[in-house]
């Protein structure tokens, strides 16, 4: 491991710690607000044996180009998408079976608003209460597994979230929502094969598919640029792209997960730094 890689991983961990410190109280407030409507546990979706083939859809910009292939491949497969990709998929004639969301911000509710909802929502208990209130179909709640300890309450944060919500089912993240989608398909649903679309972990002009949530994308790029954590890289086509510290770490987690499930993860993302 190079000195640069070690420094990048240390910086990534420091960022995660800052995120926890900043949001720990908000997460508990959201859980308390969600508690009256929390019923179904994600563990109810557990599948033993062969769970069939799945398509996991993230919100990378390549999704726009890869939609025809996704539609062709989607026959007889279960589709799980991240919240940021949901409206884009529906607007383009693709109806997911499951949507997964983990962010605690209020803006997520707007991303999930579509005229017809046929999908079930896999929702973190820390989600903003507006998300659950606006969702018209079934919701399965989960705890996001983590290794953070609340020194004041002398409990692991995941244990606190489970106690406050009454939910025991956990999903193991790799730092972002697409990792939860992949983990849900492989572990919770025992998928025999998972096809990845929109797992770019890089960008050229737009950070998200079809320019979705441009305001958030611009804000993130500005923050990364100010912090000096945007890097030049090359995608699978050999083209020059931009990535950042977090995306590089997320890509690494997905690569390691694919290695742990040999032959079961297929990359269908046409422009990515992911090496699968």
C-alpha atoms as a PDB file:
ATOM      1  CA  UNK A   1       0.000   0.000   0.000  1.00  0.00           C
ATOM      2  CA  UNK A   2       1.487   3.355  -1.048  1.00  0.00           C
ATOM      3  CA  UNK A   3       1.805   6.401   1.203  1.00  0.00           C
ATOM      4  CA  UNK A   4      -0.725   8.192  -1.005  1.00  0.00           C
ATOM      5  CA  UNK A   5      -3.249   5.364  -0.620  1.00  0.00           C
ATOM      6  CA  UNK A   6      -2.822   5.330   3.162  1.00  0.00           C
ATOM      7  CA  UNK A   7      -3.316   9.095   3.327  1.00  0.00           C
ATOM      8  CA  UNK A   8      -6.451   8.847   1.162  1.00  0.00           C
ATOM      9  CA  UNK A   9      -7.944   6.128   3.380  1.00  0.00           C
ATOM     10  CA  UNK A  10      -7.160   8.123   6.515  1.00  0.00           C
ATOM     11  CA  UNK A  11      -8.782  11.215   5.006  1.00  0.00           C
ATOM     12  CA  UNK A  12     -11.848   9.150   4.049  1.00  0.00           C
ATOM     13  CA  UNK A  13     -12.187   7.802   7.604  1.00  0.00           C
ATOM     14  CA  UNK A  14     -11.828  11.311   9.014  1.00  0.00           C
ATOM     15  CA  UNK A  15     -14.627  12.480   6.746  1.00  0.00           C
ATOM     16  CA  UNK A  16     -16.899   9.651   7.919  1.00  0.00           C
ATOM     17  CA  UNK A  17     -16.240  10.563  11.554  1.00  0.00           C
ATOM     18  CA  UNK A  18     -17.097  14.207  10.855  1.00  0.00           C
ATOM     19  CA  UNK A  19     -20.343  13.070   9.216  1.00  0.00           C
ATOM     20  CA  UNK A  20     -21.305  11.041  12.283  1.00  0.00           C
ATOM     21  CA  UNK A  21     -20.516  13.872  14.707  1.00  0.00           C
ATOM     22  CA  UNK A  22     -22.495  16.344  12.608  1.00  0.00           C
ATOM     23  CA  UNK A  23     -25.583  14.154  12.187  1.00  0.00           C
ATOM     24  CA  UNK A  24     -25.842  11.941  15.254  1.00  0.00           C
ATOM     25  CA  UNK A  25     -28.591  14.004  16.923  1.00  0.00           C
ATOM     26  CA  UNK A  26     -30.525  14.499  13.675  1.00  0.00           C
ATOM     27  CA  UNK A  27     -30.539  10.746  13.078  1.00  0.00           C
ATOM     28  CA  UNK A  28     -32.135  10.080  16.456  1.00  0.00           C
ATOM     29  CA  UNK A  29     -34.697  12.855  15.939  1.00  0.00           C
ATOM     30  CA  UNK A  30     -35.672  11.306  12.595  1.00  0.00           C
ATOM     31  CA  UNK A  31     -36.003   7.851  14.141  1.00  0.00           C
ATOM     32  CA  UNK A  32     -38.322   9.227  16.820  1.00  0.00           C
ATOM     33  CA  UNK A  33     -40.447  10.943  14.159  1.00  0.00           C
ATOM     34  CA  UNK A  34     -40.603   7.737  12.064  1.00  0.00           C
ATOM     35  CA  UNK A  35     -41.323   5.414  14.997  1.00  0.00           C
ATOM     36  CA  UNK A  36     -45.172   5.572  14.807  1.00  0.00           C
ATOM     37  CA  UNK A  37     -45.141   4.280  11.218  1.00  0.00           C
ATOM     38  CA  UNK A  38     -42.230   1.835  11.427  1.00  0.00           C
ATOM     39  CA  UNK A  39     -43.640  -1.654  10.967  1.00  0.00           C
ATOM     40  CA  UNK A  40     -42.009  -3.974   8.424  1.00  0.00           C
ATOM     41  CA  UNK A  41     -38.427  -5.065   9.059  1.00  0.00           C
ATOM     42  CA  UNK A  42     -36.098  -5.634   6.078  1.00  0.00           C
ATOM     43  CA  UNK A  43     -35.324  -9.057   7.548  1.00  0.00           C
ATOM     44  CA  UNK A  44     -38.788 -10.113   6.312  1.00  0.00           C
ATOM     45  CA  UNK A  45     -37.296 -10.068   2.812  1.00  0.00           C
ATOM     46  CA  UNK A  46     -34.604 -12.622   3.634  1.00  0.00           C
ATOM     47  CA  UNK A  47     -34.309 -15.386   1.042  1.00  0.00           C
ATOM     48  CA  UNK A  48     -32.705 -18.759   1.655  1.00  0.00           C
ATOM     49  CA  UNK A  49     -31.125 -20.500  -1.321  1.00  0.00           C
ATOM     50  CA  UNK A  50     -31.163 -19.167  -4.878  1.00  0.00           C
ATOM     51  CA  UNK A  51     -32.900 -15.791  -5.022  1.00  0.00           C
ATOM     52  CA  UNK A  52     -32.681 -15.402  -8.802  1.00  0.00           C
ATOM     53  CA  UNK A  53     -30.989 -12.711 -10.865  1.00  0.00           C
ATOM     54  CA  UNK A  54     -30.983  -9.033  -9.941  1.00  0.00           C
ATOM     55  CA  UNK A  55     -30.153  -5.717 -11.563  1.00  0.00           C
ATOM     56  CA  UNK A  56     -28.754  -3.024  -9.262  1.00  0.00           C
ATOM     57  CA  UNK A  57     -29.027   0.521 -10.567  1.00  0.00           C
ATOM     58  CA  UNK A  58     -27.026   3.448  -9.202  1.00  0.00           C
ATOM     59  CA  UNK A  59     -27.257   7.025 -10.444  1.00  0.00           C
ATOM     60  CA  UNK A  60     -24.012   7.434 -12.375  1.00  0.00           C
ATOM     61  CA  UNK A  61     -24.099   9.507 -15.588  1.00  0.00           C
ATOM     62  CA  UNK A  62     -23.473   6.443 -17.800  1.00  0.00           C
ATOM     63  CA  UNK A  63     -26.984   5.202 -16.979  1.00  0.00           C
ATOM     64  CA  UNK A  64     -28.303   7.491 -19.698  1.00  0.00           C
ATOM     65  CA  UNK A  65     -26.277   5.628 -22.343  1.00  0.00           C
ATOM     66  CA  UNK A  66     -26.828   2.184 -20.843  1.00  0.00           C
ATOM     67  CA  UNK A  67     -30.630   2.328 -20.546  1.00  0.00           C
ATOM     68  CA  UNK A  68     -31.285   0.285 -23.728  1.00  0.00           C
ATOM     69  CA  UNK A  69     -29.105  -2.552 -22.446  1.00  0.00           C
ATOM     70  CA  UNK A  70     -30.733  -2.359 -19.020  1.00  0.00           C
ATOM     71  CA  UNK A  71     -34.209  -2.623 -20.544  1.00  0.00           C
ATOM     72  CA  UNK A  72     -33.153  -5.566 -22.688  1.00  0.00           C
ATOM     73  CA  UNK A  73     -31.600  -7.362 -19.726  1.00  0.00           C
ATOM     74  CA  UNK A  74     -34.394  -6.614 -17.258  1.00  0.00           C
ATOM     75  CA  UNK A  75     -36.794  -9.329 -18.411  1.00  0.00           C
ATOM     76  CA  UNK A  76     -37.333 -11.875 -15.600  1.00  0.00           C
ATOM     77  CA  UNK A  77     -34.932 -10.045 -13.290  1.00  0.00           C
ATOM     78  CA  UNK A  78     -35.597  -8.111 -10.090  1.00  0.00           C
ATOM     79  CA  UNK A  79     -34.524  -4.461 -10.201  1.00  0.00           C
ATOM     80  CA  UNK A  80     -33.160  -2.631  -7.155  1.00  0.00           C
ATOM     81  CA  UNK A  81     -32.286   1.031  -7.604  1.00  0.00           C
ATOM     82  CA  UNK A  82     -30.913   3.796  -5.407  1.00  0.00           C
ATOM     83  CA  UNK A  83     -33.115   6.758  -4.525  1.00  0.00           C
ATOM     84  CA  UNK A  84     -31.282   9.152  -6.834  1.00  0.00           C
ATOM     85  CA  UNK A  85     -31.959   6.927  -9.872  1.00  0.00           C
ATOM     86  CA  UNK A  86     -35.617   6.125  -9.177  1.00  0.00           C
ATOM     87  CA  UNK A  87     -37.401   9.008 -10.879  1.00  0.00           C
ATOM     88  CA  UNK A  88     -35.036   8.871 -13.851  1.00  0.00           C
ATOM     89  CA  UNK A  89     -35.807   5.192 -14.373  1.00  0.00           C
ATOM     90  CA  UNK A  90     -39.570   5.624 -14.089  1.00  0.00           C
ATOM     91  CA  UNK A  91     -39.532   8.611 -16.440  1.00  0.00           C
ATOM     92  CA  UNK A  92     -37.730   6.415 -18.967  1.00  0.00           C
ATOM     93  CA  UNK A  93     -40.067   3.448 -18.750  1.00  0.00           C
ATOM     94  CA  UNK A  94     -38.252   1.277 -16.209  1.00  0.00           C
ATOM     95  CA  UNK A  95     -40.159   0.316 -13.049  1.00  0.00           C
ATOM     96  CA  UNK A  96     -37.922  -0.986 -10.244  1.00  0.00           C
ATOM     97  CA  UNK A  97     -39.112  -3.609  -7.776  1.00  0.00           C
ATOM     98  CA  UNK A  98     -37.238  -2.056  -4.865  1.00  0.00           C
ATOM     99  CA  UNK A  99     -35.886   1.418  -4.144  1.00  0.00           C
ATOM    100  CA  UNK A 100     -33.268   1.807  -1.430  1.00  0.00           C
ATOM    101  CA  UNK A 101     -32.662   5.021   0.485  1.00  0.00           C
ATOM    102  CA  UNK A 102     -30.409   5.813   3.426  1.00  0.00           C
ATOM    103  CA  UNK A 103     -29.855   9.578   3.512  1.00  0.00           C
ATOM    104  CA  UNK A 104     -31.321  11.602   6.391  1.00  0.00           C
ATOM    105  CA  UNK A 105     -31.858  14.797   4.401  1.00  0.00           C
ATOM    106  CA  UNK A 106     -35.274  16.255   3.609  1.00  0.00           C
ATOM    107  CA  UNK A 107     -34.489  16.626  -0.104  1.00  0.00           C
ATOM    108  CA  UNK A 108     -34.663  12.846  -0.657  1.00  0.00           C
ATOM    109  CA  UNK A 109     -38.476  12.923  -0.493  1.00  0.00           C
ATOM    110  CA  UNK A 110     -38.556  15.020  -3.654  1.00  0.00           C
ATOM    111  CA  UNK A 111     -36.367  12.529  -5.509  1.00  0.00           C
ATOM    112  CA  UNK A 112     -38.863   9.745  -4.831  1.00  0.00           C
ATOM    113  CA  UNK A 113     -42.004  11.578  -5.893  1.00  0.00           C
ATOM    114  CA  UNK A 114     -43.526  10.017  -9.021  1.00  0.00           C
ATOM    115  CA  UNK A 115     -47.140   9.773 -10.187  1.00  0.00           C
ATOM    116  CA  UNK A 116     -47.335   5.972  -9.968  1.00  0.00           C
ATOM    117  CA  UNK A 117     -45.396   4.013  -7.370  1.00  0.00           C
ATOM    118  CA  UNK A 118     -45.209   0.258  -7.838  1.00  0.00           C
ATOM    119  CA  UNK A 119     -41.946  -0.366  -6.032  1.00  0.00           C
ATOM    120  CA  UNK A 120     -41.376  -1.183  -2.371  1.00  0.00           C
ATOM    121  CA  UNK A 121     -39.054   1.105  -0.432  1.00  0.00           C
ATOM    122  CA  UNK A 122     -36.080  -0.181   1.568  1.00  0.00           C
ATOM    123  CA  UNK A 123     -35.575   2.665   4.032  1.00  0.00           C
ATOM    124  CA  UNK A 124     -33.031   3.471   6.716  1.00  0.00           C
ATOM    125  CA  UNK A 125     -34.672   4.276  10.061  1.00  0.00           C
ATOM    126  CA  UNK A 126     -32.718   7.565  10.142  1.00  0.00           C
ATOM    127  CA  UNK A 127     -34.432   8.837   6.968  1.00  0.00           C
ATOM    128  CA  UNK A 128     -36.214  12.185   7.113  1.00  0.00           C
ATOM    129  CA  UNK A 129     -39.874  11.581   8.105  1.00  0.00           C
ATOM    130  CA  UNK A 130     -41.097  13.264   4.902  1.00  0.00           C
ATOM    131  CA  UNK A 131     -39.731  10.329   2.892  1.00  0.00           C
ATOM    132  CA  UNK A 132     -41.935   7.721   4.579  1.00  0.00           C
ATOM    133  CA  UNK A 133     -44.950  10.026   4.720  1.00  0.00           C
ATOM    134  CA  UNK A 134     -44.872  10.592   0.955  1.00  0.00           C
ATOM    135  CA  UNK A 135     -44.309   6.942   0.004  1.00  0.00           C
ATOM    136  CA  UNK A 136     -47.544   5.169  -0.993  1.00  0.00           C
ATOM    137  CA  UNK A 137     -46.323   1.578  -1.234  1.00  0.00           C
ATOM    138  CA  UNK A 138     -44.836  -0.802   1.298  1.00  0.00           C
ATOM    139  CA  UNK A 139     -41.780   0.229   3.315  1.00  0.00           C
ATOM    140  CA  UNK A 140     -39.224  -2.171   4.760  1.00  0.00           C
ATOM    141  CA  UNK A 141     -37.012  -0.531   7.392  1.00  0.00           C
ATOM    142  CA  UNK A 142     -33.374  -1.301   8.140  1.00  0.00           C
ATOM    143  CA  UNK A 143     -30.514  -0.383  10.434  1.00  0.00           C
ATOM    144  CA  UNK A 144     -27.287   0.544   8.703  1.00  0.00           C
ATOM    145  CA  UNK A 145     -24.515  -1.519  10.275  1.00  0.00           C
ATOM    146  CA  UNK A 146     -21.568   0.587  11.422  1.00  0.00           C
ATOM    147  CA  UNK A 147     -18.633   0.504  13.816  1.00  0.00           C
ATOM    148  CA  UNK A 148     -19.177   3.854  15.536  1.00  0.00           C
ATOM    149  CA  UNK A 149     -19.485   4.040  19.316  1.00  0.00           C
ATOM    150  CA  UNK A 150     -21.342   6.771  21.210  1.00  0.00           C
ATOM    151  CA  UNK A 151     -19.063   7.461  24.163  1.00  0.00           C
ATOM    152  CA  UNK A 152     -21.698   9.560  25.948  1.00  0.00           C
ATOM    153  CA  UNK A 153     -24.373   6.848  25.811  1.00  0.00           C
ATOM    154  CA  UNK A 154     -21.880   4.002  26.013  1.00  0.00           C
ATOM    155  CA  UNK A 155     -23.526   2.143  23.139  1.00  0.00           C
ATOM    156  CA  UNK A 156     -22.775   1.337  19.540  1.00  0.00           C
ATOM    157  CA  UNK A 157     -24.708   3.730  17.309  1.00  0.00           C
ATOM    158  CA  UNK A 158     -26.301   0.854  15.385  1.00  0.00           C
ATOM    159  CA  UNK A 159     -27.541  -0.563  18.713  1.00  0.00           C
ATOM    160  CA  UNK A 160     -29.055   2.815  19.649  1.00  0.00           C
ATOM    161  CA  UNK A 161     -30.834   3.019  16.304  1.00  0.00           C
ATOM    162  CA  UNK A 162     -32.179  -0.508  16.700  1.00  0.00           C
ATOM    163  CA  UNK A 163     -33.415   0.176  20.239  1.00  0.00           C
ATOM    164  CA  UNK A 164     -35.130   3.442  19.305  1.00  0.00           C
ATOM    165  CA  UNK A 165     -36.780   2.081  16.159  1.00  0.00           C
ATOM    166  CA  UNK A 166     -37.554  -1.497  17.150  1.00  0.00           C
ATOM    167  CA  UNK A 167     -35.927  -2.702  13.926  1.00  0.00           C
ATOM    168  CA  UNK A 168     -33.342  -5.478  14.010  1.00  0.00           C
ATOM    169  CA  UNK A 169     -32.595  -6.080  10.320  1.00  0.00           C
ATOM    170  CA  UNK A 170     -29.247  -4.660   9.245  1.00  0.00           C
ATOM    171  CA  UNK A 171     -27.654  -3.900   5.907  1.00  0.00           C
ATOM    172  CA  UNK A 172     -23.879  -3.586   5.670  1.00  0.00           C
ATOM    173  CA  UNK A 173     -22.748  -0.508   3.716  1.00  0.00           C
ATOM    174  CA  UNK A 174     -19.600   0.257   1.792  1.00  0.00           C
ATOM    175  CA  UNK A 175     -20.016   3.970   2.421  1.00  0.00           C
ATOM    176  CA  UNK A 176     -22.793   4.876  -0.011  1.00  0.00           C
ATOM    177  CA  UNK A 177     -26.303   3.874  -1.044  1.00  0.00           C
ATOM    178  CA  UNK A 178     -25.222   1.822  -4.079  1.00  0.00           C
ATOM    179  CA  UNK A 179     -23.235  -0.439  -1.769  1.00  0.00           C
ATOM    180  CA  UNK A 180     -26.410  -1.042   0.239  1.00  0.00           C
ATOM    181  CA  UNK A 181     -28.267  -1.970  -2.957  1.00  0.00           C
ATOM    182  CA  UNK A 182     -25.580  -4.496  -3.874  1.00  0.00           C
ATOM    183  CA  UNK A 183     -25.429  -5.871  -0.339  1.00  0.00           C
ATOM    184  CA  UNK A 184     -29.218  -6.192  -0.212  1.00  0.00           C
ATOM    185  CA  UNK A 185     -29.280  -8.183  -3.455  1.00  0.00           C
ATOM    186  CA  UNK A 186     -26.355 -10.482  -2.608  1.00  0.00           C
ATOM    187  CA  UNK A 187     -26.917 -11.095   1.088  1.00  0.00           C
ATOM    188  CA  UNK A 188     -30.541 -10.395   1.972  1.00  0.00           C
ATOM    189  CA  UNK A 189     -32.003 -11.736  -1.289  1.00  0.00           C
ATOM    190  CA  UNK A 190     -29.357 -14.379  -2.084  1.00  0.00           C
ATOM    191  CA  UNK A 191     -29.140 -13.235  -5.709  1.00  0.00           C
ATOM    192  CA  UNK A 192     -27.437 -15.776  -7.947  1.00  0.00           C
ATOM    193  CA  UNK A 193     -26.227 -12.985 -10.247  1.00  0.00           C
ATOM    194  CA  UNK A 194     -26.218  -9.191  -9.935  1.00  0.00           C
ATOM    195  CA  UNK A 195     -25.824  -6.870 -12.937  1.00  0.00           C
ATOM    196  CA  UNK A 196     -24.560  -3.355 -12.168  1.00  0.00           C
ATOM    197  CA  UNK A 197     -25.723  -0.260 -14.047  1.00  0.00           C
ATOM    198  CA  UNK A 198     -24.855   3.351 -13.213  1.00  0.00           C
ATOM    199  CA  UNK A 199     -21.961   2.350 -10.937  1.00  0.00           C
ATOM    200  CA  UNK A 200     -19.610   4.933 -12.451  1.00  0.00           C
ATOM    201  CA  UNK A 201     -17.751   6.325  -9.428  1.00  0.00           C
ATOM    202  CA  UNK A 202     -16.582   9.027 -11.824  1.00  0.00           C
ATOM    203  CA  UNK A 203     -17.927  11.706 -14.156  1.00  0.00           C
ATOM    204  CA  UNK A 204     -17.102  13.901 -17.127  1.00  0.00           C
ATOM    205  CA  UNK A 205     -19.650  16.732 -17.146  1.00  0.00           C
ATOM    206  CA  UNK A 206     -22.604  15.556 -15.047  1.00  0.00           C
ATOM    207  CA  UNK A 207     -22.204  13.725 -11.740  1.00  0.00           C
ATOM    208  CA  UNK A 208     -25.636  12.034 -11.873  1.00  0.00           C
ATOM    209  CA  UNK A 209     -27.685  10.413 -14.632  1.00  0.00           C
ATOM    210  CA  UNK A 210     -29.493  12.899 -16.838  1.00  0.00           C
ATOM    211  CA  UNK A 211     -28.360  15.819 -14.681  1.00  0.00           C
ATOM    212  CA  UNK A 212     -30.541  14.640 -11.777  1.00  0.00           C
ATOM    213  CA  UNK A 213     -30.228  16.857  -8.683  1.00  0.00           C
ATOM    214  CA  UNK A 214     -27.792  19.236 -10.353  1.00  0.00           C
ATOM    215  CA  UNK A 215     -27.806  21.573  -7.361  1.00  0.00           C
ATOM    216  CA  UNK A 216     -26.525  18.829  -5.057  1.00  0.00           C
ATOM    217  CA  UNK A 217     -23.971  17.699  -7.636  1.00  0.00           C
ATOM    218  CA  UNK A 218     -22.631  21.254  -8.057  1.00  0.00           C
ATOM    219  CA  UNK A 219     -22.410  21.681  -4.287  1.00  0.00           C
ATOM    220  CA  UNK A 220     -20.496  18.434  -3.856  1.00  0.00           C
ATOM    221  CA  UNK A 221     -18.100  19.250  -6.683  1.00  0.00           C
ATOM    222  CA  UNK A 222     -17.441  22.681  -5.201  1.00  0.00           C
ATOM    223  CA  UNK A 223     -16.722  21.186  -1.771  1.00  0.00           C
ATOM    224  CA  UNK A 224     -14.434  18.521  -3.236  1.00  0.00           C
ATOM    225  CA  UNK A 225     -12.632  21.085  -5.369  1.00  0.00           C
ATOM    226  CA  UNK A 226     -12.042  23.374  -2.382  1.00  0.00           C
ATOM    227  CA  UNK A 227     -10.741  20.417  -0.375  1.00  0.00           C
ATOM    228  CA  UNK A 228      -8.420  19.363  -3.210  1.00  0.00           C
ATOM    229  CA  UNK A 229      -9.907  15.867  -3.361  1.00  0.00           C
ATOM    230  CA  UNK A 230     -10.926  15.727  -7.033  1.00  0.00           C
ATOM    231  CA  UNK A 231      -8.634  13.516  -9.092  1.00  0.00           C
ATOM    232  CA  UNK A 232      -8.055  12.791 -12.763  1.00  0.00           C
ATOM    233  CA  UNK A 233      -8.553   9.155 -13.715  1.00  0.00           C
ATOM    234  CA  UNK A 234      -9.405   6.968 -16.708  1.00  0.00           C
ATOM    235  CA  UNK A 235     -12.599   4.975 -17.181  1.00  0.00           C
ATOM    236  CA  UNK A 236     -12.939   1.486 -18.657  1.00  0.00           C
ATOM    237  CA  UNK A 237     -12.933   3.030 -22.133  1.00  0.00           C
ATOM    238  CA  UNK A 238      -9.599   4.714 -21.495  1.00  0.00           C
ATOM    239  CA  UNK A 239     -11.252   8.140 -21.447  1.00  0.00           C
ATOM    240  CA  UNK A 240     -10.243  10.877 -19.031  1.00  0.00           C
ATOM    241  CA  UNK A 241     -12.715  11.328 -16.170  1.00  0.00           C
ATOM    242  CA  UNK A 242     -12.943  12.996 -12.791  1.00  0.00           C
ATOM    243  CA  UNK A 243     -13.406  11.193  -9.497  1.00  0.00           C
ATOM    244  CA  UNK A 244     -13.027  12.051  -5.846  1.00  0.00           C
ATOM    245  CA  UNK A 245     -11.708  10.583  -2.641  1.00  0.00           C
ATOM    246  CA  UNK A 246     -15.038   9.124  -1.503  1.00  0.00           C
ATOM    247  CA  UNK A 247     -15.893   7.578  -4.872  1.00  0.00           C
ATOM    248  CA  UNK A 248     -12.485   5.906  -5.082  1.00  0.00           C
ATOM    249  CA  UNK A 249     -13.082   4.296  -1.675  1.00  0.00           C
ATOM    250  CA  UNK A 250     -16.614   3.219  -2.620  1.00  0.00           C
ATOM    251  CA  UNK A 251     -15.323   1.635  -5.824  1.00  0.00           C
ATOM    252  CA  UNK A 252     -12.727  -0.276  -3.832  1.00  0.00           C
ATOM    253  CA  UNK A 253     -15.436  -1.688  -1.530  1.00  0.00           C
ATOM    254  CA  UNK A 254     -17.502  -2.866  -4.513  1.00  0.00           C
ATOM    255  CA  UNK A 255     -14.442  -4.538  -6.042  1.00  0.00           C
ATOM    256  CA  UNK A 256     -13.716  -6.374  -2.791  1.00  0.00           C
ATOM    257  CA  UNK A 257     -17.356  -7.439  -2.471  1.00  0.00           C
ATOM    258  CA  UNK A 258     -17.344  -8.829  -6.015  1.00  0.00           C
ATOM    259  CA  UNK A 259     -14.229 -10.844  -5.133  1.00  0.00           C
ATOM    260  CA  UNK A 260     -16.025 -12.247  -2.078  1.00  0.00           C
ATOM    261  CA  UNK A 261     -18.917 -13.397  -4.287  1.00  0.00           C
ATOM    262  CA  UNK A 262     -16.993 -14.853  -7.262  1.00  0.00           C
ATOM    263  CA  UNK A 263     -18.942 -15.036 -10.507  1.00  0.00           C
ATOM    264  CA  UNK A 264     -22.033 -13.369  -9.071  1.00  0.00           C
ATOM    265  CA  UNK A 265     -21.358  -9.667  -9.825  1.00  0.00           C
ATOM    266  CA  UNK A 266     -21.367  -8.494 -13.453  1.00  0.00           C
ATOM    267  CA  UNK A 267     -20.415  -4.927 -14.327  1.00  0.00           C
ATOM    268  CA  UNK A 268     -22.658  -3.496 -17.066  1.00  0.00           C
ATOM    269  CA  UNK A 269     -21.624   0.113 -16.470  1.00  0.00           C
ATOM    270  CA  UNK A 270     -20.028   1.390 -19.667  1.00  0.00           C
ATOM    271  CA  UNK A 271     -18.063   4.263 -18.101  1.00  0.00           C
ATOM    272  CA  UNK A 272     -16.589   3.478 -14.691  1.00  0.00           C
ATOM    273  CA  UNK A 273     -13.382   3.274 -12.687  1.00  0.00           C
ATOM    274  CA  UNK A 274     -14.736   0.047 -11.182  1.00  0.00           C
ATOM    275  CA  UNK A 275     -12.444  -2.894 -11.897  1.00  0.00           C
ATOM    276  CA  UNK A 276     -14.798  -5.868 -12.040  1.00  0.00           C
END
